[in-house]
C-alpha atoms as a PDB file:
ATOM      1  CA  MET A   1      76.187 104.530 108.365  1.00  0.00           C
ATOM      2  CA  HIS A   2      79.340 104.123 110.418  1.00  0.00           C
ATOM      3  CA  HIS A   3      78.973 103.256 114.074  1.00  0.00           C
ATOM      4  CA  LEU A   4      82.447 104.550 114.907  1.00  0.00           C
ATOM      5  CA  ASP A   5      83.249 108.116 115.797  1.00  0.00           C
ATOM      6  CA  PRO A   6      85.226 110.121 113.205  1.00  0.00           C
ATOM      7  CA  GLU A   7      88.520 109.798 115.132  1.00  0.00           C
ATOM      8  CA  SER A   8      88.226 105.999 115.222  1.00  0.00           C
ATOM      9  CA  MET A   9      87.289 105.963 111.540  1.00  0.00           C
ATOM     10  CA  LEU A  10      90.439 107.918 110.642  1.00  0.00           C
ATOM     11  CA  ARG A  11      92.663 105.728 112.819  1.00  0.00           C
ATOM     12  CA  GLY A  12      91.072 102.586 111.356  1.00  0.00           C
ATOM     13  CA  ALA A  13      91.965 103.835 107.880  1.00  0.00           C
ATOM     14  CA  GLN A  14      95.497 104.629 109.084  1.00  0.00           C
ATOM     15  CA  LEU A  15      94.975 108.341 108.489  1.00  0.00           C
ATOM     16  CA  ARG A  16      96.324 110.993 110.821  1.00  0.00           C
ATOM     17  CA  VAL A  17      93.594 112.654 112.890  1.00  0.00           C
ATOM     18  CA  THR A  18      93.448 116.335 111.931  1.00  0.00           C
ATOM     19  CA  ARG A  19      90.809 118.986 112.609  1.00  0.00           C
ATOM     20  CA  PRO A  20      89.990 119.446 108.897  1.00  0.00           C
ATOM     21  CA  ARG A  21      89.566 115.676 108.403  1.00  0.00           C
ATOM     22  CA  LEU A  22      87.325 115.434 111.473  1.00  0.00           C
ATOM     23  CA  ALA A  23      85.303 118.456 110.320  1.00  0.00           C
ATOM     24  CA  VAL A  24      84.802 116.992 106.825  1.00  0.00           C
ATOM     25  CA  LEU A  25      83.708 113.589 108.184  1.00  0.00           C
ATOM     26  CA  GLU A  26      81.316 115.220 110.654  1.00  0.00           C
ATOM     27  CA  ALA A  27      79.811 117.557 108.017  1.00  0.00           C
ATOM     28  CA  VAL A  28      79.202 114.778 105.486  1.00  0.00           C
ATOM     29  CA  GLY A  29      77.966 112.449 108.242  1.00  0.00           C
ATOM     30  CA  ARG A  30      75.409 115.057 109.356  1.00  0.00           C
ATOM     31  CA  GLN A  31      74.197 115.914 105.856  1.00  0.00           C
ATOM     32  CA  PRO A  32      74.768 113.397 103.061  1.00  0.00           C
ATOM     33  CA  HIS A  33      75.174 114.392  99.407  1.00  0.00           C
ATOM     34  CA  LEU A  34      76.959 117.658 100.187  1.00  0.00           C
ATOM     35  CA  ASP A  35      78.755 119.342  97.310  1.00  0.00           C
ATOM     36  CA  THR A  36      82.320 120.559  97.720  1.00  0.00           C
ATOM     37  CA  GLU A  37      81.358 124.198  98.342  1.00  0.00           C
ATOM     38  CA  SER A  38      78.980 123.147 101.136  1.00  0.00           C
ATOM     39  CA  VAL A  39      81.696 120.959 102.681  1.00  0.00           C
ATOM     40  CA  ILE A  40      84.134 123.900 102.577  1.00  0.00           C
ATOM     41  CA  ALA A  41      81.575 126.175 104.263  1.00  0.00           C
ATOM     42  CA  ALA A  42      80.881 123.598 106.988  1.00  0.00           C
ATOM     43  CA  VAL A  43      84.591 123.012 107.615  1.00  0.00           C
ATOM     44  CA  ARG A  44      85.293 126.754 107.824  1.00  0.00           C
ATOM     45  CA  ALA A  45      82.437 127.171 110.300  1.00  0.00           C
ATOM     46  CA  GLU A  46      84.022 124.452 112.453  1.00  0.00           C
ATOM     47  CA  VAL A  47      87.771 125.010 112.006  1.00  0.00           C
ATOM     48  CA  GLY A  48      88.089 128.601 110.827  1.00  0.00           C
ATOM     49  CA  SER A  49      90.327 129.506 107.928  1.00  0.00           C
ATOM     50  CA  VAL A  50      91.078 126.570 105.649  1.00  0.00           C
ATOM     51  CA  SER A  51      91.898 126.697 101.937  1.00  0.00           C
ATOM     52  CA  HIS A  52      89.788 125.208  99.167  1.00  0.00           C
ATOM     53  CA  GLN A  53      92.777 123.044  98.223  1.00  0.00           C
ATOM     54  CA  ALA A  54      93.107 121.683 101.767  1.00  0.00           C
ATOM     55  CA  VAL A  55      89.454 120.588 101.749  1.00  0.00           C
ATOM     56  CA  TYR A  56      89.812 119.073  98.244  1.00  0.00           C
ATOM     57  CA  ASP A  57      92.852 117.140  99.519  1.00  0.00           C
ATOM     58  CA  VAL A  58      90.917 115.885 102.568  1.00  0.00           C
ATOM     59  CA  LEU A  59      87.947 114.833 100.408  1.00  0.00           C
ATOM     60  CA  ARG A  60      90.291 112.940  98.065  1.00  0.00           C
ATOM     61  CA  ALA A  61      92.132 111.232 100.943  1.00  0.00           C
ATOM     62  CA  LEU A  62      88.904 110.210 102.708  1.00  0.00           C
ATOM     63  CA  THR A  63      87.403 108.930  99.439  1.00  0.00           C
ATOM     64  CA  GLU A  64      90.544 106.939  98.572  1.00  0.00           C
ATOM     65  CA  ALA A  65      90.524 105.478 102.105  1.00  0.00           C
ATOM     66  CA  GLY A  66      86.909 104.368 101.623  1.00  0.00           C
ATOM     67  CA  LEU A  67      85.522 106.586 104.391  1.00  0.00           C
ATOM     68  CA  LEU A  68      83.555 108.744 101.946  1.00  0.00           C
ATOM     69  CA  ARG A  69      81.885 107.993  98.636  1.00  0.00           C
ATOM     70  CA  ARG A  70      81.970 110.515  95.795  1.00  0.00           C
ATOM     71  CA  ILE A  71      78.939 110.555  93.540  1.00  0.00           C
ATOM     72  CA  GLN A  72      78.357 112.708  90.489  1.00  0.00           C
ATOM     73  CA  PRO A  73      74.992 112.320  88.806  1.00  0.00           C
ATOM     74  CA  SER A  74      74.931 113.471  85.183  1.00  0.00           C
ATOM     75  CA  GLY A  75      74.783 117.259  84.982  1.00  0.00           C
ATOM     76  CA  SER A  76      75.500 117.672  88.698  1.00  0.00           C
ATOM     77  CA  VAL A  77      78.553 118.711  90.678  1.00  0.00           C
ATOM     78  CA  ALA A  78      80.375 116.050  92.683  1.00  0.00           C
ATOM     79  CA  ARG A  79      78.824 115.251  96.031  1.00  0.00           C
ATOM     80  CA  TYR A  80      80.040 113.255  99.016  1.00  0.00           C
ATOM     81  CA  GLU A  81      78.416 110.876 101.455  1.00  0.00           C
ATOM     82  CA  ALA A  82      79.556 108.833 104.443  1.00  0.00           C
ATOM     83  CA  ARG A  83      77.314 105.854 103.614  1.00  0.00           C
ATOM     84  CA  VAL A  84      79.845 103.542 101.985  1.00  0.00           C
ATOM     85  CA  GLY A  85      80.218  99.883 101.133  1.00  0.00           C
ATOM     86  CA  ASP A  86      76.564  98.888 100.857  1.00  0.00           C
ATOM     87  CA  ASN A  87      76.038  99.463  97.089  1.00  0.00           C
ATOM     88  CA  HIS A  88      72.980 101.685  97.602  1.00  0.00           C
ATOM     89  CA  HIS A  89      71.691 103.887  94.784  1.00  0.00           C
ATOM     90  CA  HIS A  90      70.275 107.385  94.385  1.00  0.00           C
ATOM     91  CA  VAL A  91      67.184 109.141  93.117  1.00  0.00           C
ATOM     92  CA  VAL A  92      67.777 112.632  91.693  1.00  0.00           C
ATOM     93  CA  CYS A  93      65.205 115.365  91.062  1.00  0.00           C
ATOM     94  CA  ARG A  94      65.353 116.767  87.522  1.00  0.00           C
ATOM     95  CA  GLY A  95      63.970 120.059  88.869  1.00  0.00           C
ATOM     96  CA  CYS A  96      65.992 121.079  91.923  1.00  0.00           C
ATOM     97  CA  GLY A  97      68.735 118.426  91.846  1.00  0.00           C
ATOM     98  CA  SER A  98      67.987 117.086  95.329  1.00  0.00           C
ATOM     99  CA  ILE A  99      69.270 113.563  95.956  1.00  0.00           C
ATOM    100  CA  ALA A 100      67.941 110.778  98.167  1.00  0.00           C
ATOM    101  CA  ASP A 101      69.304 107.326  98.956  1.00  0.00           C
ATOM    102  CA  VAL A 102      67.629 104.222  97.537  1.00  0.00           C
ATOM    103  CA  ASP A 103      68.507 100.873  99.072  1.00  0.00           C
ATOM    104  CA  CYS A 104      69.771  98.042  96.893  1.00  0.00           C
ATOM    105  CA  ALA A 105      67.325  97.517  93.997  1.00  0.00           C
ATOM    106  CA  THR A 106      66.649  93.829  94.749  1.00  0.00           C
ATOM    107  CA  GLY A 107      68.702  91.094  96.341  1.00  0.00           C
ATOM    108  CA  ALA A 108      72.287  91.278  97.494  1.00  0.00           C
ATOM    109  CA  ALA A 109      74.909  93.613  95.998  1.00  0.00           C
ATOM    110  CA  PRO A 110      75.560  94.243  93.180  1.00  0.00           C
ATOM    111  CA  CYS A 111      71.713  94.326  92.937  1.00  0.00           C
ATOM    112  CA  LEU A 112      71.725  93.799  89.184  1.00  0.00           C
ATOM    113  CA  THR A 113      72.926  90.954  87.044  1.00  0.00           C
ATOM    114  CA  ALA A 114      74.662  92.039  83.853  1.00  0.00           C
ATOM    115  CA  SER A 115      73.361  90.342  80.695  1.00  0.00           C
ATOM    116  CA  ASP A 116      77.029  89.838  79.709  1.00  0.00           C
ATOM    117  CA  ASP A 117      79.810  90.332  82.262  1.00  0.00           C
ATOM    118  CA  HIS A 118      82.533  90.103  79.551  1.00  0.00           C
ATOM    119  CA  GLY A 119      84.572  88.014  81.992  1.00  0.00           C
ATOM    120  CA  TYR A 120      84.636  90.742  84.652  1.00  0.00           C
ATOM    121  CA  ALA A 121      84.140  89.870  88.317  1.00  0.00           C
ATOM    122  CA  ILE A 122      81.393  92.435  88.926  1.00  0.00           C
ATOM    123  CA  ASP A 123      81.070  93.577  92.552  1.00  0.00           C
ATOM    124  CA  GLU A 124      79.104  96.814  92.285  1.00  0.00           C
ATOM    125  CA  ALA A 125      76.327  98.348  90.209  1.00  0.00           C
ATOM    126  CA  GLU A 126      75.644 102.073  90.076  1.00  0.00           C
ATOM    127  CA  VAL A 127      72.051 103.029  89.411  1.00  0.00           C
ATOM    128  CA  VAL A 128      70.629 106.543  89.297  1.00  0.00           C
ATOM    129  CA  TYR A 129      66.869 106.964  89.280  1.00  0.00           C
ATOM    130  CA  TRP A 130      65.690 110.287  87.808  1.00  0.00           C
ATOM    131  CA  GLY A 131      62.374 111.942  88.509  1.00  0.00           C
ATOM    132  CA  THR A 132      60.628 114.892  90.121  1.00  0.00           C
ATOM    133  CA  CYS A 133      60.674 115.350  93.894  1.00  0.00           C
ATOM    134  CA  PRO A 134      57.449 116.097  95.826  1.00  0.00           C
ATOM    135  CA  THR A 135      58.436 119.779  96.234  1.00  0.00           C
ATOM    136  CA  CYS A 136      58.896 120.263  92.477  1.00  0.00           C
ATOM    137  CA  SER A 137      55.875 118.145  91.461  1.00  0.00           C
END
């Protein structure tokens, strides 16, 4: 997680500090793995009237700047988290779709060694564990 406040994070990424950007960062920082609709609801609760498109634009800008990470497990809507840059993974419930973080599988990132890297300089591995959460079990 970031140790900087949202304003410092935006300035560090050379992004203008705006209320919608702050509201998005704060919402995703409070509750990881939010889907877009939940982000929009949180931003509207904080800022008031803001269009879907404005929130989509903020999510895209923050993701491109590396302040948010967009994940989209198979069969799920896109979700956003503020935990970036550490190559952690996710476990997803087949029943309710809840998602939890899983630290790097073993060793340093990228956690997995490809059997054949095809000449690529691999720096990240994306792993999704699937199962049934305690509530659905």
